[in-house]
All heavy atoms as atom14 arrays in JSON, in Angstrom:
{
  "sequence": "TKDELFKMLSARKDPRQIFFGLAPGWIVNLADKKILKPTDESLL",
  "atom14_mask": [
    [1, 1, 1, 1, 1, 1, 1, 0, 0, 0, 0, 0, 0, 0],
    [1, 1, 1, 1, 1, 1, 1, 1, 1, 0, 0, 0, 0, 0],
    [1, 1, 1, 1, 1, 1, 1, 1, 0, 0, 0, 0, 0, 0],
    [1, 1, 1, 1, 1, 1, 1, 1, 1, 0, 0, 0, 0, 0],
    [1, 1, 1, 1, 1, 1, 1, 1, 0, 0, 0, 0, 0, 0],
    [1, 1, 1, 1, 1, 1, 1, 1, 1, 1, 1, 0, 0, 0],
    [1, 1, 1, 1, 1, 1, 1, 1, 1, 0, 0, 0, 0, 0],
    [1, 1, 1, 1, 1, 1, 1, 1, 0, 0, 0, 0, 0, 0],
    [1, 1, 1, 1, 1, 1, 1, 1, 0, 0, 0, 0, 0, 0],
    [1, 1, 1, 1, 1, 1, 0, 0, 0, 0, 0, 0, 0, 0],
    [1, 1, 1, 1, 1, 0, 0, 0, 0, 0, 0, 0, 0, 0],
    [1, 1, 1, 1, 1, 1, 1, 1, 1, 1, 1, 0, 0, 0],
    [1, 1, 1, 1, 1, 1, 1, 1, 1, 0, 0, 0, 0, 0],
    [1, 1, 1, 1, 1, 1, 1, 1, 0, 0, 0, 0, 0, 0],
    [1, 1, 1, 1, 1, 1, 1, 0, 0, 0, 0, 0, 0, 0],
    [1, 1, 1, 1, 1, 1, 1, 1, 1, 1, 1, 0, 0, 0],
    [1, 1, 1, 1, 1, 1, 1, 1, 1, 0, 0, 0, 0, 0],
    [1, 1, 1, 1, 1, 1, 1, 1, 0, 0, 0, 0, 0, 0],
    [1, 1, 1, 1, 1, 1, 1, 1, 1, 1, 1, 0, 0, 0],
    [1, 1, 1, 1, 1, 1, 1, 1, 1, 1, 1, 0, 0, 0],
    [1, 1, 1, 1, 0, 0, 0, 0, 0, 0, 0, 0, 0, 0],
    [1, 1, 1, 1, 1, 1, 1, 1, 0, 0, 0, 0, 0, 0],
    [1, 1, 1, 1, 1, 0, 0, 0, 0, 0, 0, 0, 0, 0],
    [1, 1, 1, 1, 1, 1, 1, 0, 0, 0, 0, 0, 0, 0],
    [1, 1, 1, 1, 0, 0, 0, 0, 0, 0, 0, 0, 0, 0],
    [1, 1, 1, 1, 1, 1, 1, 1, 1, 1, 1, 1, 1, 1],
    [1, 1, 1, 1, 1, 1, 1, 1, 0, 0, 0, 0, 0, 0],
    [1, 1, 1, 1, 1, 1, 1, 0, 0, 0, 0, 0, 0, 0],
    [1, 1, 1, 1, 1, 1, 1, 1, 0, 0, 0, 0, 0, 0],
    [1, 1, 1, 1, 1, 1, 1, 1, 0, 0, 0, 0, 0, 0],
    [1, 1, 1, 1, 1, 0, 0, 0, 0, 0, 0, 0, 0, 0],
    [1, 1, 1, 1, 1, 1, 1, 1, 0, 0, 0, 0, 0, 0],
    [1, 1, 1, 1, 1, 1, 1, 1, 1, 0, 0, 0, 0, 0],
    [1, 1, 1, 1, 1, 1, 1, 1, 1, 0, 0, 0, 0, 0],
    [1, 1, 1, 1, 1, 1, 1, 1, 0, 0, 0, 0, 0, 0],
    [1, 1, 1, 1, 1, 1, 1, 1, 0, 0, 0, 0, 0, 0],
    [1, 1, 1, 1, 1, 1, 1, 1, 1, 0, 0, 0, 0, 0],
    [1, 1, 1, 1, 1, 1, 1, 0, 0, 0, 0, 0, 0, 0],
    [1, 1, 1, 1, 1, 1, 1, 0, 0, 0, 0, 0, 0, 0],
    [1, 1, 1, 1, 1, 1, 1, 1, 0, 0, 0, 0, 0, 0],
    [1, 1, 1, 1, 1, 1, 1, 1, 1, 0, 0, 0, 0, 0],
    [1, 1, 1, 1, 1, 1, 0, 0, 0, 0, 0, 0, 0, 0],
    [1, 1, 1, 1, 1, 1, 1, 1, 0, 0, 0, 0, 0, 0],
    [1, 1, 1, 1, 1, 1, 1, 1, 0, 0, 0, 0, 0, 0]
  ],
  "atom14_positions": [
    [[0.83, -1.23, 0.0], [0.0, 0.0, 0.0], [0.86, 1.27, 0.0], [0.39, 2.33, -0.4], [-0.92, 0.0, 1.21], [-0.14, -0.08, 2.42], [-1.88, -1.19, 1.15], [0.0, 0.0, 0.0], [0.0, 0.0, 0.0], [0.0, 0.0, 0.0], [0.0, 0.0, 0.0], [0.0, 0.0, 0.0], [0.0, 0.0, 0.0], [0.0, 0.0, 0.0]],
    [[2.11, 1.16, 0.46], [2.99, 2.3, 0.47], [3.95, 2.31, -0.73], [4.84, 3.17, -0.81], [3.81, 2.31, 1.77], [2.95, 2.41, 3.03], [3.8, 2.39, 4.27], [2.94, 2.47, 5.53], [3.76, 2.42, 6.76], [0.0, 0.0, 0.0], [0.0, 0.0, 0.0], [0.0, 0.0, 0.0], [0.0, 0.0, 0.0], [0.0, 0.0, 0.0]],
    [[3.78, 1.37, -1.62], [4.66, 1.27, -2.78], [4.19, 2.28, -3.85], [2.98, 2.53, -3.99], [4.61, -0.15, -3.35], [5.78, -0.41, -4.29], [5.85, 0.23, -5.34], [6.62, -1.26, -3.95], [0.0, 0.0, 0.0], [0.0, 0.0, 0.0], [0.0, 0.0, 0.0], [0.0, 0.0, 0.0], [0.0, 0.0, 0.0], [0.0, 0.0, 0.0]],
    [[5.16, 2.8, -4.6], [4.82, 3.74, -5.67], [4.09, 3.06, -6.84], [3.43, 3.73, -7.62], [6.09, 4.41, -6.19], [7.14, 3.44, -6.72], [8.39, 4.14, -7.18], [8.5, 5.36, -7.02], [9.29, 3.42, -7.7], [0.0, 0.0, 0.0], [0.0, 0.0, 0.0], [0.0, 0.0, 0.0], [0.0, 0.0, 0.0], [0.0, 0.0, 0.0]],
    [[4.2, 1.74, -6.92], [3.5, 0.97, -7.94], [2.24, 0.29, -7.38], [1.82, -0.75, -7.89], [4.43, -0.09, -8.56], [5.66, 0.44, -9.28], [6.52, -0.72, -9.73], [5.26, 1.29, -10.47], [0.0, 0.0, 0.0], [0.0, 0.0, 0.0], [0.0, 0.0, 0.0], [0.0, 0.0, 0.0], [0.0, 0.0, 0.0], [0.0, 0.0, 0.0]],
    [[1.67, 0.89, -6.36], [0.5, 0.26, -5.7], [-0.66, 0.11, -6.66], [-1.38, -0.9, -6.63], [0.1, 1.07, -4.48], [-1.19, 0.59, -3.86], [-1.24, -0.62, -3.19], [-2.35, 1.35, -3.94], [-2.43, -1.08, -2.63], [-3.53, 0.9, -3.39], [-3.57, -0.3, -2.72], [0.0, 0.0, 0.0], [0.0, 0.0, 0.0], [0.0, 0.0, 0.0]],
    [[-0.87, 1.09, -7.53], [-2.0, 1.01, -8.46], [-1.84, -0.17, -9.4], [-2.82, -0.86, -9.72], [-2.1, 2.32, -9.26], [-3.3, 2.4, -10.17], [-3.39, 3.75, -10.86], [-4.63, 3.82, -11.77], [-4.71, 5.13, -12.47], [0.0, 0.0, 0.0], [0.0, 0.0, 0.0], [0.0, 0.0, 0.0], [0.0, 0.0, 0.0], [0.0, 0.0, 0.0]],
    [[-0.62, -0.4, -9.86], [-0.39, -1.53, -10.74], [-0.47, -2.85, -9.98], [-1.04, -3.84, -10.47], [1.0, -1.41, -11.39], [1.37, -2.5, -12.4], [2.09, -4.01, -11.67], [3.64, -3.36, -11.04], [0.0, 0.0, 0.0], [0.0, 0.0, 0.0], [0.0, 0.0, 0.0], [0.0, 0.0, 0.0], [0.0, 0.0, 0.0], [0.0, 0.0, 0.0]],
    [[0.08, -2.89, -8.78], [0.08, -4.11, -8.0], [-1.32, -4.52, -7.55], [-1.59, -5.73, -7.33], [1.0, -3.98, -6.81], [2.49, -3.81, -7.1], [3.26, -3.53, -5.83], [3.05, -5.06, -7.78], [0.0, 0.0, 0.0], [0.0, 0.0, 0.0], [0.0, 0.0, 0.0], [0.0, 0.0, 0.0], [0.0, 0.0, 0.0], [0.0, 0.0, 0.0]],
    [[-2.22, -3.57, -7.39], [-3.58, -3.87, -6.94], [-4.54, -4.09, -8.07], [-5.74, -4.32, -7.83], [-4.08, -2.73, -6.05], [-4.11, -1.5, -6.79], [0.0, 0.0, 0.0], [0.0, 0.0, 0.0], [0.0, 0.0, 0.0], [0.0, 0.0, 0.0], [0.0, 0.0, 0.0], [0.0, 0.0, 0.0], [0.0, 0.0, 0.0], [0.0, 0.0, 0.0]],
    [[-4.09, -4.02, -9.33], [-4.98, -4.21, -10.47], [-5.36, -5.67, -10.58], [-4.49, -6.56, -10.57], [-4.31, -3.74, -11.76], [0.0, 0.0, 0.0], [0.0, 0.0, 0.0], [0.0, 0.0, 0.0], [0.0, 0.0, 0.0], [0.0, 0.0, 0.0], [0.0, 0.0, 0.0], [0.0, 0.0, 0.0], [0.0, 0.0, 0.0], [0.0, 0.0, 0.0]],
    [[-6.66, -5.93, -10.68], [-7.15, -7.28, -10.83], [-8.32, -7.29, -11.8], [-9.04, -6.3, -11.95], [-7.61, -7.86, -9.47], [-6.5, -8.07, -8.48], [-7.0, -8.74, -7.24], [-7.45, -10.1, -7.47], [-7.94, -10.88, -6.51], [-8.05, -10.44, -5.27], [-8.34, -12.11, -6.79], [0.0, 0.0, 0.0], [0.0, 0.0, 0.0], [0.0, 0.0, 0.0]],
    [[-8.51, -8.4, -12.45], [-9.62, -8.54, -13.39], [-10.91, -8.92, -12.65], [-10.87, -9.54, -11.6], [-9.31, -9.61, -14.44], [-8.16, -9.29, -15.36], [-7.96, -10.41, -16.34], [-6.76, -10.18, -17.24], [-6.5, -11.32, -18.17], [0.0, 0.0, 0.0], [0.0, 0.0, 0.0], [0.0, 0.0, 0.0], [0.0, 0.0, 0.0], [0.0, 0.0, 0.0]],
    [[-12.02, -8.56, -13.27], [-13.31, -9.02, -12.78], [-13.41, -10.51, -13.1], [-12.84, -10.99, -14.09], [-14.43, -8.22, -13.47], [-15.79, -8.57, -12.92], [-16.13, -8.07, -11.83], [-16.51, -9.39, -13.55], [0.0, 0.0, 0.0], [0.0, 0.0, 0.0], [0.0, 0.0, 0.0], [0.0, 0.0, 0.0], [0.0, 0.0, 0.0], [0.0, 0.0, 0.0]],
    [[-14.13, -11.29, -12.29], [-14.24, -12.73, -12.59], [-14.81, -13.03, -13.96], [-14.6, -14.15, -14.48], [-15.18, -13.23, -11.47], [-14.96, -12.28, -10.34], [-14.69, -10.96, -10.96], [0.0, 0.0, 0.0], [0.0, 0.0, 0.0], [0.0, 0.0, 0.0], [0.0, 0.0, 0.0], [0.0, 0.0, 0.0], [0.0, 0.0, 0.0], [0.0, 0.0, 0.0]],
    [[-15.53, -12.09, -14.58], [-16.07, -12.3, -15.92], [-15.24, -11.65, -17.0], [-15.57, -11.7, -18.18], [-17.49, -11.76, -15.99], [-18.48, -12.51, -15.15], [-18.79, -13.86, -15.74], [-19.96, -14.49, -15.16], [-20.52, -15.6, -15.58], [-19.97, -16.23, -16.61], [-21.57, -16.1, -15.02], [0.0, 0.0, 0.0], [0.0, 0.0, 0.0], [0.0, 0.0, 0.0]],
    [[-14.14, -11.0, -16.63], [-13.33, -10.19, -17.58], [-12.19, -11.05, -18.13], [-11.58, -11.85, -17.42], [-12.77, -8.97, -16.86], [-12.15, -7.92, -17.75], [-11.71, -6.72, -16.94], [-11.91, -6.65, -15.71], [-11.13, -5.75, -17.6], [0.0, 0.0, 0.0], [0.0, 0.0, 0.0], [0.0, 0.0, 0.0], [0.0, 0.0, 0.0], [0.0, 0.0, 0.0]],
    [[-11.87, -10.85, -19.42], [-10.79, -11.58, -20.08], [-9.53, -10.77, -20.17], [-8.44, -11.24, -19.88], [-11.24, -12.06, -21.48], [-12.43, -13.02, -21.37], [-10.1, -12.74, -22.21], [-12.97, -13.5, -22.69], [0.0, 0.0, 0.0], [0.0, 0.0, 0.0], [0.0, 0.0, 0.0], [0.0, 0.0, 0.0], [0.0, 0.0, 0.0], [0.0, 0.0, 0.0]],
    [[-9.64, -9.5, -20.62], [-8.48, -8.62, -20.81], [-8.46, -7.53, -19.74], [-9.5, -7.09, -19.25], [-8.52, -7.96, -22.2], [-8.51, -8.93, -23.34], [-9.65, -9.22, -24.03], [-7.33, -9.57, -23.73], [-9.65, -10.12, -25.08], [-7.3, -10.45, -24.78], [-8.47, -10.73, -25.45], [0.0, 0.0, 0.0], [0.0, 0.0, 0.0], [0.0, 0.0, 0.0]],
    [[-7.24, -7.08, -19.42], [-7.11, -5.92, -18.56], [-7.57, -4.68, -19.34], [-7.14, -4.41, -20.45], [-5.64, -5.72, -18.15], [-5.2, -6.6, -17.01], [-4.34, -7.65, -17.24], [-5.66, -6.37, -15.73], [-3.93, -8.46, -16.19], [-5.26, -7.17, -14.68], [-4.4, -8.23, -14.91], [0.0, 0.0, 0.0], [0.0, 0.0, 0.0], [0.0, 0.0, 0.0]],
    [[-8.48, -3.91, -18.73], [-8.94, -2.66, -19.34], [-10.01, -2.8, -20.39], [-10.46, -1.78, -20.93], [0.0, 0.0, 0.0], [0.0, 0.0, 0.0], [0.0, 0.0, 0.0], [0.0, 0.0, 0.0], [0.0, 0.0, 0.0], [0.0, 0.0, 0.0], [0.0, 0.0, 0.0], [0.0, 0.0, 0.0], [0.0, 0.0, 0.0], [0.0, 0.0, 0.0]],
    [[-10.44, -4.02, -20.71], [-11.49, -4.23, -21.71], [-12.6, -5.07, -21.06], [-12.35, -6.17, -20.58], [-10.94, -4.96, -22.93], [-9.9, -4.21, -23.77], [-9.37, -5.11, -24.88], [-10.45, -2.92, -24.34], [0.0, 0.0, 0.0], [0.0, 0.0, 0.0], [0.0, 0.0, 0.0], [0.0, 0.0, 0.0], [0.0, 0.0, 0.0], [0.0, 0.0, 0.0]],
    [[-13.79, -4.5, -21.03], [-14.92, -5.16, -20.39], [-15.63, -6.08, -21.38], [-15.54, -5.91, -22.61], [-15.9, -4.11, -19.86], [0.0, 0.0, 0.0], [0.0, 0.0, 0.0], [0.0, 0.0, 0.0], [0.0, 0.0, 0.0], [0.0, 0.0, 0.0], [0.0, 0.0, 0.0], [0.0, 0.0, 0.0], [0.0, 0.0, 0.0], [0.0, 0.0, 0.0]],
    [[-16.36, -7.07, -20.9], [-17.14, -7.92, -21.8], [-18.2, -7.11, -22.54], [-18.82, -6.19, -21.99], [-17.79, -8.93, -20.86], [-16.93, -8.94, -19.65], [-16.38, -7.56, -19.5], [0.0, 0.0, 0.0], [0.0, 0.0, 0.0], [0.0, 0.0, 0.0], [0.0, 0.0, 0.0], [0.0, 0.0, 0.0], [0.0, 0.0, 0.0], [0.0, 0.0, 0.0]],
    [[-18.39, -7.45, -23.81], [-19.36, -6.73, -24.63], [-18.76, -5.68, -25.52], [-19.4, -5.22, -26.47], [0.0, 0.0, 0.0], [0.0, 0.0, 0.0], [0.0, 0.0, 0.0], [0.0, 0.0, 0.0], [0.0, 0.0, 0.0], [0.0, 0.0, 0.0], [0.0, 0.0, 0.0], [0.0, 0.0, 0.0], [0.0, 0.0, 0.0], [0.0, 0.0, 0.0]],
    [[-17.53, -5.26, -25.24], [-16.88, -4.23, -26.06], [-16.36, -4.86, -27.35], [-16.0, -6.04, -27.4], [-15.72, -3.58, -25.31], [-16.16, -2.74, -24.16], [-17.4, -2.61, -23.65], [-15.31, -1.95, -23.33], [-17.42, -1.79, -22.56], [-16.14, -1.36, -22.34], [-13.95, -1.64, -23.32], [-15.64, -0.5, -21.35], [-13.44, -0.79, -22.36], [-14.29, -0.22, -21.38]],
    [[-16.3, -4.06, -28.4], [-15.76, -4.48, -29.7], [-14.55, -3.63, -30.0], [-14.64, -2.38, -30.0], [-16.82, -4.34, -30.84], [-18.03, -5.23, -30.54], [-16.21, -4.72, -32.18], [-19.14, -5.09, -31.55], [0.0, 0.0, 0.0], [0.0, 0.0, 0.0], [0.0, 0.0, 0.0], [0.0, 0.0, 0.0], [0.0, 0.0, 0.0], [0.0, 0.0, 0.0]],
    [[-13.41, -4.26, -30.27], [-12.18, -3.56, -30.58], [-12.01, -3.52, -32.1], [-11.91, -4.56, -32.75], [-10.97, -4.25, -29.92], [-9.68, -3.52, -30.27], [-11.15, -4.3, -28.4], [0.0, 0.0, 0.0], [0.0, 0.0, 0.0], [0.0, 0.0, 0.0], [0.0, 0.0, 0.0], [0.0, 0.0, 0.0], [0.0, 0.0, 0.0], [0.0, 0.0, 0.0]],
    [[-11.99, -2.32, -32.66], [-11.78, -2.11, -34.09], [-10.33, -1.72, -34.32], [-9.94, -0.6, -34.07], [-12.74, -1.01, -34.59], [-12.74, -0.9, -36.1], [-11.83, -1.41, -36.76], [-13.77, -0.27, -36.65], [0.0, 0.0, 0.0], [0.0, 0.0, 0.0], [0.0, 0.0, 0.0], [0.0, 0.0, 0.0], [0.0, 0.0, 0.0], [0.0, 0.0, 0.0]],
    [[-9.55, -2.67, -34.8], [-8.13, -2.42, -34.99], [-7.88, -1.51, -36.2], [-6.9, -0.75, -36.21], [-7.38, -3.72, -35.17], [-7.33, -4.67, -33.97], [-6.56, -5.94, -34.31], [-6.72, -3.98, -32.78], [0.0, 0.0, 0.0], [0.0, 0.0, 0.0], [0.0, 0.0, 0.0], [0.0, 0.0, 0.0], [0.0, 0.0, 0.0], [0.0, 0.0, 0.0]],
    [[-8.73, -1.58, -37.22], [-8.52, -0.76, -38.43], [-8.67, 0.72, -38.12], [-7.85, 1.55, -38.52], [-9.48, -1.19, -39.52], [0.0, 0.0, 0.0], [0.0, 0.0, 0.0], [0.0, 0.0, 0.0], [0.0, 0.0, 0.0], [0.0, 0.0, 0.0], [0.0, 0.0, 0.0], [0.0, 0.0, 0.0], [0.0, 0.0, 0.0], [0.0, 0.0, 0.0]],
    [[-9.72, 1.07, -37.38], [-9.97, 2.47, -37.03], [-9.41, 2.86, -35.68], [-9.54, 4.02, -35.28], [-11.48, 2.76, -37.06], [-12.08, 2.53, -38.44], [-11.31, 2.61, -39.42], [-13.3, 2.27, -38.52], [0.0, 0.0, 0.0], [0.0, 0.0, 0.0], [0.0, 0.0, 0.0], [0.0, 0.0, 0.0], [0.0, 0.0, 0.0], [0.0, 0.0, 0.0]],
    [[-8.84, 1.86, -34.96], [-8.3, 2.11, -33.63], [-9.35, 2.71, -32.69], [-9.15, 3.75, -32.06], [-7.08, 3.01, -33.69], [-5.92, 2.41, -34.49], [-4.7, 3.3, -34.5], [-3.55, 2.67, -35.29], [-2.36, 3.54, -35.3], [0.0, 0.0, 0.0], [0.0, 0.0, 0.0], [0.0, 0.0, 0.0], [0.0, 0.0, 0.0], [0.0, 0.0, 0.0]],
    [[-10.49, 2.03, -32.65], [-11.6, 2.49, -31.83], [-12.14, 1.32, -31.01], [-11.96, 0.15, -31.38], [-12.72, 3.08, -32.68], [-12.37, 4.37, -33.39], [-13.55, 4.9, -34.17], [-13.2, 6.19, -34.88], [-14.36, 6.73, -35.67], [0.0, 0.0, 0.0], [0.0, 0.0, 0.0], [0.0, 0.0, 0.0], [0.0, 0.0, 0.0], [0.0, 0.0, 0.0]],
    [[-12.8, 1.65, -29.91], [-13.47, 0.69, -29.06], [-14.95, 1.02, -29.04], [-15.34, 2.13, -28.67], [-12.88, 0.68, -27.64], [-11.41, 0.22, -27.67], [-13.7, -0.24, -26.74], [-10.75, 0.23, -26.31], [0.0, 0.0, 0.0], [0.0, 0.0, 0.0], [0.0, 0.0, 0.0], [0.0, 0.0, 0.0], [0.0, 0.0, 0.0], [0.0, 0.0, 0.0]],
    [[-15.78, 0.08, -29.46], [-17.22, 0.28, -29.5], [-17.84, -0.38, -28.28], [-17.58, -1.55, -28.0], [-17.8, -0.34, -30.78], [-17.13, 0.12, -32.1], [-17.76, -0.6, -33.28], [-17.23, 1.63, -32.26], [0.0, 0.0, 0.0], [0.0, 0.0, 0.0], [0.0, 0.0, 0.0], [0.0, 0.0, 0.0], [0.0, 0.0, 0.0], [0.0, 0.0, 0.0]],
    [[-18.65, 0.38, -27.55], [-19.28, -0.1, -26.32], [-20.79, -0.23, -26.53], [-21.39, 0.58, -27.23], [-19.0, 0.87, -25.17], [-17.5, 1.09, -24.92], [-17.29, 2.06, -23.76], [-15.81, 2.34, -23.55], [-15.59, 3.29, -22.43], [0.0, 0.0, 0.0], [0.0, 0.0, 0.0], [0.0, 0.0, 0.0], [0.0, 0.0, 0.0], [0.0, 0.0, 0.0]],
    [[-21.41, -1.26, -25.96], [-22.86, -1.41, -26.14], [-23.63, -0.34, -25.39], [-23.21, 0.1, -24.29], [-23.12, -2.82, -25.56], [-22.0, -3.05, -24.6], [-20.79, -2.33, -25.16], [0.0, 0.0, 0.0], [0.0, 0.0, 0.0], [0.0, 0.0, 0.0], [0.0, 0.0, 0.0], [0.0, 0.0, 0.0], [0.0, 0.0, 0.0], [0.0, 0.0, 0.0]],
    [[-24.76, 0.05, -25.95], [-25.62, 1.07, -25.34], [-27.01, 0.52, -25.03], [-27.76, 1.14, -24.27], [-25.74, 2.29, -26.25], [-26.23, 1.86, -27.55], [-24.39, 2.97, -26.45], [0.0, 0.0, 0.0], [0.0, 0.0, 0.0], [0.0, 0.0, 0.0], [0.0, 0.0, 0.0], [0.0, 0.0, 0.0], [0.0, 0.0, 0.0], [0.0, 0.0, 0.0]],
    [[-27.37, -0.62, -25.6], [-28.67, -1.19, -25.35], [-28.76, -1.68, -23.91], [-27.83, -2.29, -23.38], [-28.94, -2.33, -26.32], [-30.36, -2.85, -26.23], [-31.25, -2.19, -26.77], [-30.56, -3.91, -25.62], [0.0, 0.0, 0.0], [0.0, 0.0, 0.0], [0.0, 0.0, 0.0], [0.0, 0.0, 0.0], [0.0, 0.0, 0.0], [0.0, 0.0, 0.0]],
    [[-29.88, -1.44, -23.27], [-30.03, -1.78, -21.84], [-29.97, -3.3, -21.62], [-29.42, -3.78, -20.63], [-31.33, -1.22, -21.29], [-31.35, 0.32, -21.26], [-32.65, 0.85, -20.63], [-33.49, -0.01, -20.29], [-32.78, 2.07, -20.53], [0.0, 0.0, 0.0], [0.0, 0.0, 0.0], [0.0, 0.0, 0.0], [0.0, 0.0, 0.0], [0.0, 0.0, 0.0]],
    [[-30.57, -4.05, -22.55], [-30.55, -5.52, -22.38], [-29.13, -6.06, -22.51], [-28.76, -6.98, -21.77], [-31.47, -6.15, -23.46], [-31.01, -5.84, -24.76], [0.0, 0.0, 0.0], [0.0, 0.0, 0.0], [0.0, 0.0, 0.0], [0.0, 0.0, 0.0], [0.0, 0.0, 0.0], [0.0, 0.0, 0.0], [0.0, 0.0, 0.0], [0.0, 0.0, 0.0]],
    [[-28.33, -5.51, -23.43], [-26.94, -5.96, -23.54], [-26.12, -5.56, -22.33], [-25.32, -6.34, -21.85], [-26.33, -5.35, -24.81], [-26.85, -5.89, -26.14], [-26.19, -5.14, -27.3], [-26.59, -7.37, -26.28], [0.0, 0.0, 0.0], [0.0, 0.0, 0.0], [0.0, 0.0, 0.0], [0.0, 0.0, 0.0], [0.0, 0.0, 0.0], [0.0, 0.0, 0.0]],
    [[-26.35, -4.35, -21.82], [-25.64, -3.92, -20.64], [-25.98, -4.81, -19.44], [-25.11, -5.16, -18.63], [-25.96, -2.46, -20.32], [-25.45, -1.42, -21.34], [-25.97, -0.04, -21.0], [-23.92, -1.41, -21.36], [0.0, 0.0, 0.0], [0.0, 0.0, 0.0], [0.0, 0.0, 0.0], [0.0, 0.0, 0.0], [0.0, 0.0, 0.0], [0.0, 0.0, 0.0]]
  ]
}
């Protein structure tokens, strides 16, 4: 907790998450370098 890298050391994934920083349901567009997020309530 007193380490300067505490934010990195405390980073953990959600039990349903696959990638660090990317939530389930997101679409990664490599061609346009964009991340598309769902807006429909049922998908959320």
